[in-house]
Structure formats: C-alpha cells, structure tokens
Amino acid sequence: MEVRKFTLVKEENNCWYVVLPEWEGPKDELEMVLGADIMLDILSQGNTVVDVLLSDEPFNHNFELHFLREDANGGWYLFKSEYHELEIWLCEVTKFVFGNLPKIIYASW
C-alpha cells in the first residue's frame, strides 16, 4: 500500500474515530479503543484532530506498529516510538484498509 493519510477525530464523548468515508459499516466500528485511544492522546498532544500517515511498506516514518497476535477479528500491535511502547488493538477495519493485518505498520504524524 502507498503511504496514505488518515484523519482521526476526538469527539465530544472523548472517543477517537478514524474518518473513513469508504467504510460502509457502522460508525462505532471506526472507534479507536484498547490502547489505540491512548496512542492517539499521545500523538495529538492535546488536540482533538490528528493526521497520521500509514503504510505497510517502509517510508520516512516516526513510529511503527508491530503485529503481536490476531484477536477478535483484529490484531494486537506494539506501538513503538522513540519515547513510548504500548500494546494497542486494531479492529477489522485494519484488514479493510490494508487487505490484511500487516506485520509492521509504518506511521508518521
């Protein structure tokens, strides 16, 4: 996959959602939970919107998500940056975006 920009928004309910117009499922499936919300709190630095560049191929990136195991139609990843390390769960929307659960997701914000 080419490098693709994703916008994530923290709504009034303090929940993070990825903006994905091509997603035909319910909005609640776009919510970032189980550590992904904490990762976004870190990346957003107090803002309610954060843009993230993602790819399953290396590019000039700031952090990586390393696949740990599949679980509940999604996968657990290790968020690794220079200053943070955190396990996060990404739902089946990840498979929709990438076509699978990549072994490494390269990312930048």
N, C-alpha and C. Protein backbone atom coordinates (compact mmCIF):
# COMPACT_ATOMS: atom_id res chain seq x y z
N MET A 1 0.85 -1.18 0.00
CA MET A 1 0.00 0.00 0.00
C MET A 1 0.89 1.24 0.00
N GLU A 2 0.52 2.21 -0.77
CA GLU A 2 1.21 3.50 -0.73
C GLU A 2 0.99 4.16 0.62
N VAL A 3 1.77 5.17 0.90
CA VAL A 3 1.55 5.95 2.11
C VAL A 3 0.21 6.65 1.98
N ARG A 4 -0.63 6.49 2.99
CA ARG A 4 -1.96 7.06 2.95
C ARG A 4 -2.21 7.88 4.22
N LYS A 5 -2.85 9.03 4.05
CA LYS A 5 -3.14 9.93 5.18
C LYS A 5 -4.52 9.60 5.76
N PHE A 6 -4.56 9.46 7.09
CA PHE A 6 -5.81 9.22 7.80
C PHE A 6 -6.00 10.33 8.83
N THR A 7 -7.22 10.83 8.92
CA THR A 7 -7.56 11.83 9.93
C THR A 7 -8.32 11.13 11.04
N LEU A 8 -7.93 11.42 12.27
CA LEU A 8 -8.60 10.88 13.44
C LEU A 8 -9.10 12.03 14.28
N VAL A 9 -10.33 11.89 14.77
CA VAL A 9 -11.00 12.97 15.48
C VAL A 9 -11.46 12.48 16.84
N LYS A 10 -11.17 13.30 17.87
CA LYS A 10 -11.67 13.02 19.21
C LYS A 10 -12.95 13.82 19.37
N GLU A 11 -14.06 13.10 19.50
CA GLU A 11 -15.37 13.76 19.56
C GLU A 11 -15.70 14.16 21.00
N GLU A 12 -16.85 14.84 21.16
CA GLU A 12 -17.26 15.36 22.46
C GLU A 12 -17.38 14.28 23.52
N ASN A 13 -17.61 13.03 23.10
CA ASN A 13 -17.71 11.92 24.06
C ASN A 13 -16.33 11.41 24.48
N ASN A 14 -15.26 12.14 24.08
CA ASN A 14 -13.87 11.78 24.37
C ASN A 14 -13.42 10.48 23.72
N CYS A 15 -14.11 10.07 22.67
CA CYS A 15 -13.73 8.88 21.92
C CYS A 15 -13.11 9.29 20.60
N TRP A 16 -12.06 8.56 20.21
CA TRP A 16 -11.39 8.80 18.94
C TRP A 16 -12.03 7.95 17.84
N TYR A 17 -12.19 8.56 16.65
CA TYR A 17 -12.73 7.85 15.49
C TYR A 17 -11.85 8.17 14.28
N VAL A 18 -11.63 7.16 13.44
CA VAL A 18 -10.94 7.40 12.19
C VAL A 18 -11.99 7.87 11.17
N VAL A 19 -11.64 8.85 10.37
CA VAL A 19 -12.51 9.33 9.31
C VAL A 19 -12.23 8.46 8.09
N LEU A 20 -13.22 7.65 7.70
CA LEU A 20 -13.03 6.70 6.61
C LEU A 20 -14.32 6.64 5.78
N PRO A 21 -14.50 7.62 4.87
CA PRO A 21 -15.75 7.73 4.13
C PRO A 21 -16.14 6.47 3.36
N GLU A 22 -15.16 5.66 2.93
CA GLU A 22 -15.48 4.46 2.16
C GLU A 22 -15.97 3.30 3.02
N TRP A 23 -15.92 3.43 4.33
CA TRP A 23 -16.39 2.39 5.24
C TRP A 23 -17.90 2.36 5.22
N GLU A 24 -18.48 1.20 4.95
CA GLU A 24 -19.94 1.07 4.85
C GLU A 24 -20.56 0.49 6.11
N GLY A 25 -19.74 0.11 7.07
CA GLY A 25 -20.24 -0.43 8.33
C GLY A 25 -20.65 0.68 9.29
N PRO A 26 -21.07 0.29 10.49
CA PRO A 26 -21.49 1.29 11.49
C PRO A 26 -20.31 2.12 11.99
N LYS A 27 -20.60 3.34 12.38
CA LYS A 27 -19.58 4.27 12.85
C LYS A 27 -18.84 3.73 14.06
N ASP A 28 -19.54 3.02 14.95
CA ASP A 28 -18.87 2.55 16.17
C ASP A 28 -17.71 1.60 15.86
N GLU A 29 -17.68 1.00 14.68
CA GLU A 29 -16.56 0.14 14.29
C GLU A 29 -15.32 0.95 13.91
N LEU A 30 -15.47 2.27 13.78
CA LEU A 30 -14.34 3.15 13.48
C LEU A 30 -13.74 3.77 14.74
N GLU A 31 -14.30 3.41 15.91
CA GLU A 31 -13.78 3.95 17.17
C GLU A 31 -12.45 3.30 17.52
N MET A 32 -11.54 4.10 18.00
CA MET A 32 -10.22 3.63 18.41
C MET A 32 -10.28 3.30 19.90
N VAL A 33 -10.05 2.03 20.23
CA VAL A 33 -10.20 1.56 21.61
C VAL A 33 -8.99 0.72 22.01
N LEU A 34 -8.98 0.24 23.23
CA LEU A 34 -8.00 -0.71 23.74
C LEU A 34 -6.55 -0.30 23.45
N GLY A 35 -6.20 0.88 23.88
CA GLY A 35 -4.84 1.37 23.73
C GLY A 35 -4.64 2.28 22.54
N ALA A 36 -5.39 2.07 21.46
CA ALA A 36 -5.27 2.95 20.29
C ALA A 36 -5.69 4.37 20.65
N ASP A 37 -6.67 4.48 21.54
CA ASP A 37 -7.10 5.80 22.01
C ASP A 37 -6.00 6.48 22.82
N ILE A 38 -5.28 5.72 23.62
CA ILE A 38 -4.18 6.27 24.40
C ILE A 38 -3.05 6.72 23.46
N MET A 39 -2.76 5.89 22.46
CA MET A 39 -1.74 6.25 21.47
C MET A 39 -2.10 7.58 20.81
N LEU A 40 -3.37 7.75 20.46
CA LEU A 40 -3.80 9.00 19.80
C LEU A 40 -3.75 10.18 20.76
N ASP A 41 -4.03 9.96 22.03
CA ASP A 41 -3.87 11.03 23.02
C ASP A 41 -2.41 11.49 23.06
N ILE A 42 -1.49 10.53 22.96
CA ILE A 42 -0.06 10.86 22.95
C ILE A 42 0.30 11.63 21.69
N LEU A 43 -0.12 11.12 20.53
CA LEU A 43 0.23 11.75 19.26
C LEU A 43 -0.40 13.12 19.08
N SER A 44 -1.63 13.29 19.57
CA SER A 44 -2.37 14.54 19.34
C SER A 44 -1.85 15.70 20.17
N GLN A 45 -1.13 15.41 21.25
CA GLN A 45 -0.59 16.45 22.13
C GLN A 45 -1.67 17.45 22.57
N GLY A 46 -2.84 16.91 22.93
CA GLY A 46 -3.92 17.75 23.44
C GLY A 46 -4.89 18.25 22.39
N ASN A 47 -4.61 18.03 21.13
CA ASN A 47 -5.53 18.44 20.07
C ASN A 47 -6.63 17.39 19.89
N THR A 48 -7.71 17.78 19.23
CA THR A 48 -8.81 16.85 19.01
C THR A 48 -8.81 16.26 17.60
N VAL A 49 -7.84 16.65 16.80
CA VAL A 49 -7.69 16.10 15.44
C VAL A 49 -6.21 15.80 15.23
N VAL A 50 -5.94 14.64 14.67
CA VAL A 50 -4.57 14.28 14.33
C VAL A 50 -4.58 13.57 12.98
N ASP A 51 -3.65 13.95 12.13
CA ASP A 51 -3.47 13.28 10.83
C ASP A 51 -2.28 12.33 10.97
N VAL A 52 -2.48 11.11 10.49
CA VAL A 52 -1.44 10.09 10.57
C VAL A 52 -1.22 9.51 9.18
N LEU A 53 0.04 9.37 8.80
CA LEU A 53 0.40 8.71 7.55
C LEU A 53 0.71 7.26 7.87
N LEU A 54 0.12 6.34 7.11
CA LEU A 54 0.31 4.91 7.35
C LEU A 54 0.68 4.18 6.06
N SER A 55 1.49 3.14 6.22
CA SER A 55 1.82 2.27 5.10
C SER A 55 2.31 0.93 5.65
N ASP A 56 2.15 -0.12 4.85
CA ASP A 56 2.72 -1.41 5.22
C ASP A 56 4.10 -1.58 4.59
N GLU A 57 4.59 -0.52 3.95
CA GLU A 57 5.93 -0.51 3.38
C GLU A 57 6.73 0.64 4.01
N PRO A 58 8.03 0.42 4.24
CA PRO A 58 8.83 1.46 4.90
C PRO A 58 8.83 2.79 4.14
N PHE A 59 8.80 3.87 4.89
CA PHE A 59 8.97 5.23 4.38
C PHE A 59 9.58 6.03 5.52
N ASN A 60 9.84 7.29 5.32
CA ASN A 60 10.43 8.13 6.36
C ASN A 60 9.38 8.35 7.45
N HIS A 61 9.39 7.51 8.49
CA HIS A 61 8.33 7.48 9.49
C HIS A 61 8.85 7.80 10.88
N ASN A 62 7.89 8.12 11.80
CA ASN A 62 8.23 8.45 13.20
C ASN A 62 8.07 7.27 14.14
N PHE A 63 7.16 6.35 13.81
CA PHE A 63 6.93 5.22 14.70
C PHE A 63 6.42 4.03 13.91
N GLU A 64 6.39 2.88 14.60
CA GLU A 64 5.95 1.64 13.97
C GLU A 64 4.96 0.93 14.88
N LEU A 65 4.08 0.16 14.24
CA LEU A 65 3.18 -0.74 14.95
C LEU A 65 3.57 -2.15 14.54
N HIS A 66 4.02 -2.96 15.50
CA HIS A 66 4.48 -4.32 15.23
C HIS A 66 3.40 -5.31 15.63
N PHE A 67 3.00 -6.16 14.68
CA PHE A 67 1.95 -7.15 14.92
C PHE A 67 2.39 -8.13 16.00
N LEU A 68 1.51 -8.39 16.96
CA LEU A 68 1.78 -9.35 18.03
C LEU A 68 0.96 -10.62 17.88
N ARG A 69 -0.37 -10.45 17.70
CA ARG A 69 -1.25 -11.61 17.59
C ARG A 69 -2.63 -11.18 17.09
N GLU A 70 -3.31 -12.11 16.45
CA GLU A 70 -4.68 -11.85 15.99
C GLU A 70 -5.65 -12.13 17.13
N ASP A 71 -6.72 -11.33 17.20
CA ASP A 71 -7.70 -11.49 18.27
C ASP A 71 -8.97 -10.75 17.89
N ALA A 72 -10.10 -11.44 17.99
CA ALA A 72 -11.43 -10.82 17.81
C ALA A 72 -11.55 -10.06 16.49
N ASN A 73 -11.20 -10.70 15.37
CA ASN A 73 -11.28 -10.11 14.03
C ASN A 73 -10.34 -8.94 13.81
N GLY A 74 -9.45 -8.70 14.73
CA GLY A 74 -8.46 -7.64 14.59
C GLY A 74 -7.12 -8.16 15.05
N GLY A 75 -6.27 -7.25 15.46
CA GLY A 75 -4.95 -7.68 15.90
C GLY A 75 -4.36 -6.75 16.94
N TRP A 76 -3.56 -7.33 17.80
CA TRP A 76 -2.80 -6.58 18.79
C TRP A 76 -1.47 -6.18 18.18
N TYR A 77 -1.11 -4.93 18.39
CA TYR A 77 0.14 -4.37 17.87
C TYR A 77 0.91 -3.71 19.00
N LEU A 78 2.21 -3.67 18.83
CA LEU A 78 3.07 -2.94 19.76
C LEU A 78 3.39 -1.60 19.12
N PHE A 79 2.92 -0.52 19.74
CA PHE A 79 3.22 0.85 19.31
C PHE A 79 4.59 1.18 19.84
N LYS A 80 5.54 1.42 18.92
CA LYS A 80 6.91 1.71 19.31
C LYS A 80 7.33 3.04 18.71
N SER A 81 7.68 3.97 19.60
CA SER A 81 8.26 5.22 19.15
C SER A 81 9.52 5.44 19.97
N GLU A 82 10.16 6.56 19.75
CA GLU A 82 11.39 6.85 20.49
C GLU A 82 11.15 6.89 22.01
N TYR A 83 9.96 7.35 22.41
CA TYR A 83 9.69 7.56 23.83
C TYR A 83 8.60 6.67 24.42
N HIS A 84 7.88 5.92 23.59
CA HIS A 84 6.74 5.16 24.09
C HIS A 84 6.75 3.73 23.57
N GLU A 85 6.17 2.86 24.37
CA GLU A 85 5.92 1.49 23.96
C GLU A 85 4.61 1.07 24.62
N LEU A 86 3.64 0.65 23.80
CA LEU A 86 2.30 0.39 24.29
C LEU A 86 1.63 -0.64 23.40
N GLU A 87 0.94 -1.61 23.99
CA GLU A 87 0.15 -2.55 23.20
C GLU A 87 -1.19 -1.92 22.88
N ILE A 88 -1.58 -2.02 21.61
CA ILE A 88 -2.87 -1.48 21.16
C ILE A 88 -3.58 -2.55 20.33
N TRP A 89 -4.89 -2.46 20.28
CA TRP A 89 -5.68 -3.37 19.46
C TRP A 89 -6.28 -2.59 18.30
N LEU A 90 -6.15 -3.13 17.10
CA LEU A 90 -6.76 -2.53 15.91
C LEU A 90 -7.78 -3.51 15.36
N CYS A 91 -8.99 -3.03 15.09
CA CYS A 91 -10.10 -3.88 14.70
C CYS A 91 -10.02 -4.30 13.22
N GLU A 92 -11.08 -4.95 12.77
CA GLU A 92 -11.11 -5.46 11.40
C GLU A 92 -11.07 -4.36 10.34
N VAL A 93 -11.26 -3.12 10.73
CA VAL A 93 -11.11 -2.02 9.78
C VAL A 93 -9.68 -2.00 9.24
N THR A 94 -8.73 -2.46 10.03
CA THR A 94 -7.34 -2.56 9.59
C THR A 94 -7.24 -3.48 8.38
N LYS A 95 -7.96 -4.61 8.42
CA LYS A 95 -7.98 -5.53 7.27
C LYS A 95 -8.62 -4.86 6.06
N PHE A 96 -9.64 -4.05 6.30
CA PHE A 96 -10.32 -3.34 5.22
C PHE A 96 -9.36 -2.37 4.54
N VAL A 97 -8.57 -1.66 5.34
CA VAL A 97 -7.64 -0.66 4.82
C VAL A 97 -6.45 -1.31 4.12
N PHE A 98 -5.85 -2.32 4.75
CA PHE A 98 -4.63 -2.92 4.23
C PHE A 98 -4.85 -4.21 3.44
N GLY A 99 -6.02 -4.83 3.59
CA GLY A 99 -6.26 -6.11 2.95
C GLY A 99 -5.82 -7.28 3.83
N ASN A 100 -5.17 -6.98 4.94
CA ASN A 100 -4.72 -7.99 5.90
C ASN A 100 -4.30 -7.28 7.18
N LEU A 101 -3.71 -8.03 8.08
CA LEU A 101 -3.10 -7.42 9.27
C LEU A 101 -1.60 -7.41 9.04
N PRO A 102 -1.06 -6.28 8.61
CA PRO A 102 0.38 -6.23 8.28
C PRO A 102 1.26 -6.59 9.48
N LYS A 103 2.41 -7.18 9.20
CA LYS A 103 3.37 -7.50 10.26
C LYS A 103 3.92 -6.22 10.89
N ILE A 104 4.15 -5.20 10.07
CA ILE A 104 4.58 -3.89 10.56
C ILE A 104 3.78 -2.83 9.84
N ILE A 105 3.24 -1.87 10.59
CA ILE A 105 2.61 -0.70 10.00
C ILE A 105 3.56 0.47 10.31
N TYR A 106 4.04 1.11 9.27
CA TYR A 106 4.92 2.25 9.41
C TYR A 106 4.05 3.50 9.46
N ALA A 107 4.39 4.42 10.36
CA ALA A 107 3.49 5.56 10.58
C ALA A 107 4.26 6.83 10.91
N SER A 108 3.62 7.94 10.59
CA SER A 108 4.16 9.25 10.90
C SER A 108 2.99 10.19 11.14
N TRP A 109 3.22 11.24 11.92
CA TRP A 109 2.19 12.25 12.12
C TRP A 109 2.77 13.61 11.98
